Protein backbone atom coordinates (compact mmCIF):
# COMPACT_ATOMS: atom_id res chain seq x y z
CA MET A 1 -87.08 -33.42 -36.19
CA ASP A 2 -89.24 -35.63 -38.10
CA SER A 3 -89.32 -38.26 -35.34
CA TYR A 4 -91.19 -35.85 -32.90
CA PRO A 5 -94.96 -35.90 -33.11
CA ARG A 6 -97.41 -33.03 -33.86
CA PRO A 7 -98.09 -32.29 -30.04
CA VAL A 8 -94.54 -32.09 -29.66
CA MET A 9 -93.52 -29.46 -32.66
CA GLU A 10 -96.45 -27.31 -31.78
CA ARG A 11 -94.89 -26.99 -28.16
CA ALA A 12 -91.48 -26.20 -29.28
CA MET A 13 -93.08 -23.67 -31.83
CA LYS A 14 -94.73 -22.13 -29.33
CA VAL A 15 -91.94 -22.12 -26.63
CA GLN A 16 -89.41 -20.58 -29.44
CA GLU A 17 -92.32 -18.02 -30.14
CA VAL A 18 -92.28 -17.32 -26.33
CA ILE A 19 -88.65 -16.76 -26.33
CA LEU A 20 -88.30 -14.47 -29.11
CA ARG A 21 -90.66 -12.17 -27.69
CA ALA A 22 -88.72 -12.31 -24.07
CA MET A 23 -85.19 -11.43 -26.55
CA ALA A 24 -86.90 -9.04 -28.14
CA LYS A 25 -88.01 -7.94 -24.74
CA LYS A 26 -91.79 -7.18 -25.62
CA ILE A 27 -92.31 -8.80 -22.42
CA ALA A 28 -90.30 -9.55 -19.42
CA TRP A 29 -88.50 -13.42 -18.85
CA TRP A 30 -90.50 -14.14 -16.07
CA GLN A 31 -93.54 -13.43 -17.92
CA ALA A 32 -92.51 -15.75 -20.87
CA ALA A 33 -91.49 -18.67 -17.85
CA GLU A 34 -95.41 -17.72 -17.07
CA ILE A 35 -96.91 -18.25 -20.52
CA ILE A 36 -94.84 -21.76 -20.81
CA GLY A 37 -96.16 -22.92 -17.67
CA ILE A 38 -92.42 -23.18 -15.99
CA GLY A 39 -90.50 -21.74 -13.39
CA ASP A 40 -88.09 -18.75 -13.63
CA ARG A 41 -84.61 -21.08 -13.51
CA GLN A 42 -86.40 -23.58 -15.89
CA MET A 43 -86.90 -20.71 -18.21
CA ARG A 44 -83.13 -19.02 -17.88
CA ARG A 45 -82.40 -23.40 -18.38
CA TRP A 46 -84.28 -23.19 -21.83
CA LYS A 47 -82.89 -19.28 -22.98
CA GLU A 48 -79.37 -20.87 -23.00
CA ARG A 49 -80.13 -23.93 -24.89
CA TYR A 50 -81.96 -21.86 -27.06
CA GLU A 51 -78.87 -19.89 -27.77
CA GLU A 52 -76.63 -22.73 -27.96
CA GLN A 53 -78.53 -25.07 -29.89
CA GLY A 54 -81.27 -23.19 -31.56
CA TYR A 55 -84.38 -24.38 -32.00
CA ASP A 56 -83.54 -28.20 -31.65
CA GLY A 57 -82.08 -27.21 -27.62
CA LEU A 58 -86.47 -26.67 -27.70
CA PHE A 59 -87.05 -30.05 -27.89
CA ASP A 60 -87.18 -32.89 -25.31
CA ARG A 61 -83.41 -34.54 -24.92
CA ARG A 62 -85.11 -37.70 -23.40
CA LYS A 63 -86.83 -38.85 -25.35
CA GLY A 64 -86.18 -42.53 -26.43
CA GLN A 65 -83.94 -42.93 -23.93
CA PRO A 66 -85.45 -45.39 -21.40
CA SER A 67 -85.29 -44.26 -17.71
CA PRO A 68 -82.64 -43.56 -15.32
CA LYS A 69 -84.48 -45.65 -12.29
CA ARG A 70 -85.81 -48.66 -14.74
CA VAL A 71 -85.41 -51.82 -13.30
CA PRO A 72 -83.10 -54.53 -15.06
CA MET A 73 -85.37 -56.72 -16.81
CA GLU A 74 -82.80 -59.57 -15.72
CA MET A 75 -84.58 -57.95 -11.77
CA VAL A 76 -87.36 -57.93 -13.36
CA GLU A 77 -87.65 -62.38 -14.01
CA LYS A 78 -86.20 -62.79 -10.72
CA VAL A 79 -89.05 -61.03 -8.99
CA LEU A 80 -91.67 -62.88 -11.12
CA GLY A 81 -89.96 -66.28 -11.35
CA LEU A 82 -89.73 -66.01 -7.49
CA TYR A 83 -93.46 -65.12 -6.48
CA GLN A 84 -94.45 -67.78 -9.51
CA GLU A 85 -92.06 -71.11 -8.36
CA THR A 86 -91.83 -70.17 -4.28
CA TYR A 87 -94.28 -67.63 -3.12
CA TYR A 88 -97.49 -68.43 -5.40
CA ASP A 89 -99.94 -68.50 -1.67
CA PHE A 90 -98.28 -65.30 -0.26
CA ASN A 91 -99.72 -61.62 -0.50
CA VAL A 92 -98.33 -58.90 -2.06
CA ARG A 93 -97.25 -57.81 1.57
CA HIS A 94 -95.42 -60.67 2.69
CA PHE A 95 -93.76 -61.35 -0.38
CA HIS A 96 -92.24 -57.78 -0.66
CA GLU A 97 -91.02 -58.27 3.17
CA LYS A 98 -89.85 -62.16 2.02
CA LEU A 99 -87.82 -60.19 -1.16
CA ARG A 100 -86.21 -57.89 1.26
CA GLU A 101 -85.31 -60.10 4.18
CA GLU A 102 -84.39 -63.10 2.11
CA HIS A 103 -83.39 -62.17 -0.88
CA GLY A 104 -81.90 -58.45 -0.55
CA ILE A 105 -83.89 -57.20 -3.09
CA GLY A 106 -84.96 -53.59 -1.83
CA LEU A 107 -87.64 -52.65 -4.70
CA SER A 108 -90.69 -50.43 -3.73
CA TYR A 109 -93.20 -52.36 -2.51
CA SER A 110 -95.22 -50.37 -5.47
CA TRP A 111 -93.27 -51.35 -7.31
CA VAL A 112 -93.49 -55.02 -6.63
CA LYS A 113 -97.17 -54.96 -6.23
CA GLN A 114 -97.22 -52.97 -10.14
CA ALA A 115 -95.02 -55.47 -11.29
CA LEU A 116 -97.09 -58.68 -10.41
CA GLN A 117 -101.08 -57.26 -11.11
CA GLY A 118 -99.32 -56.01 -14.71
CA ALA A 119 -98.16 -59.48 -15.12
CA GLY A 120 -101.29 -61.09 -14.27
CA LEU A 121 -100.42 -63.16 -11.31
CA VAL A 122 -102.25 -60.79 -8.74
CA LYS A 123 -105.76 -59.14 -8.83
CA LYS A 124 -106.08 -55.40 -8.22
CA ALA A 125 -108.15 -54.66 -5.62
CA ALA A 126 -111.63 -53.51 -5.75
CA ARG A 127 -112.27 -49.58 -5.83
CA ARG A 128 -113.30 -48.74 -1.97
CA GLY A 129 -116.79 -46.76 -1.35
CA VAL A 130 -116.68 -43.29 -0.62
CA HIS A 131 -114.62 -42.01 2.94
CA ARG A 132 -117.09 -41.54 5.53
CA ARG A 133 -120.30 -41.19 3.70
CA ARG A 134 -123.63 -40.49 5.61
CA ARG A 135 -125.12 -43.50 6.48
CA PRO A 136 -128.61 -44.18 8.60
CA GLY A 137 -127.73 -44.75 11.91
CA MET A 138 -124.50 -43.20 11.80
CA LEU A 139 -122.89 -42.44 15.36
CA LEU A 140 -122.99 -38.52 15.49
CA HIS A 141 -120.26 -36.33 17.66
CA LEU A 142 -122.29 -34.44 19.99
CA ASP A 143 -120.36 -31.45 21.63
CA GLY A 144 -121.27 -30.29 25.40
CA SER A 145 -121.01 -27.27 27.20
CA ARG A 146 -121.64 -25.91 30.33
CA HIS A 147 -121.62 -21.91 30.76
CA ARG A 148 -122.73 -19.15 31.84
CA TRP A 149 -124.12 -17.58 28.37
CA PHE A 150 -126.42 -14.69 28.77
CA GLN A 151 -123.81 -12.79 31.49
CA ASP A 152 -125.82 -13.24 34.38
CA GLU A 153 -125.52 -16.07 37.06
CA ARG A 154 -127.42 -18.63 35.52
CA TRP A 155 -125.59 -21.52 34.21
CA TYR A 156 -126.84 -23.57 30.99
CA ASP A 157 -125.70 -26.27 28.99
CA LEU A 158 -125.45 -26.70 24.73
CA LEU A 159 -125.18 -29.74 23.17
CA VAL A 160 -124.58 -29.24 19.43
CA ASP A 161 -124.44 -31.77 16.64
CA ARG A 162 -120.48 -31.51 15.20
CA SER A 163 -122.47 -32.30 11.78
CA HIS A 164 -123.90 -28.87 11.80
CA TRP A 165 -121.68 -26.27 13.01
CA PRO A 166 -122.41 -23.62 10.32
CA GLN A 167 -126.37 -23.87 11.29
CA VAL A 168 -124.84 -23.74 14.93
CA GLY A 169 -122.87 -20.51 14.61
CA ARG A 170 -125.99 -18.77 12.50
CA ALA A 171 -127.93 -19.67 15.55
CA LEU A 172 -126.01 -18.55 18.41
CA THR A 173 -125.82 -14.95 16.22
CA GLU A 174 -129.04 -14.78 16.03
CA LEU A 175 -129.89 -15.61 19.86
CA GLY A 176 -129.47 -11.45 21.07
CA ASN A 177 -132.93 -12.10 19.08
CA GLY A 178 -134.69 -14.98 21.42
CA ALA A 179 -135.07 -16.67 17.84
CA HIS A 180 -133.50 -19.86 19.11
CA PRO A 181 -135.23 -20.34 22.72
CA GLY A 182 -135.41 -24.31 22.99
CA LEU A 183 -131.01 -24.44 21.81
CA PHE A 184 -130.12 -23.97 25.76
CA ALA A 185 -131.31 -26.22 28.68
CA ALA A 186 -131.11 -25.14 32.27
CA SER A 187 -128.42 -26.53 33.69
CA GLN A 188 -129.27 -29.56 36.42
CA GLY A 189 -126.53 -29.83 38.63
CA PRO A 190 -123.01 -29.09 39.04
């Protein structure tokens, strides 16, 4: 237990305290799971591990072990070597296609891109700006509808800038009071 960092030890102590309170029936098991921030099934697993292994069962058992999904170092060296020696003038997308088609290497595009960037062989792309931010001269989406708005024989056209729907909703509710007489235009044709 000495090899665990302080925050990990503190979390295990908190989990132990919550499990003990649930075992003493001071709180329900679902409440214990909610306090710790895990699901009911995971809480049952932790309870069983605590009963079997005691305090040591509360620690993360993966500590110090490599991920089972980790790419072997030989494959990493092969990918980086292929890029440096043969495909140095390719972009990441085309290099990834060549890895799949010609070399039978089925690594994901994201992994290949991160490996090349991490090795300093490819620059990271510049961050893009905010999507759809308002700009002067930006095209407006207008919605037009022809309808008998006032329950009589007259037809009126309503043209609305779609970016102002909340204001239009308020205007339509105020129409009964005659608050927006210029909102509607008498229809000019069929």
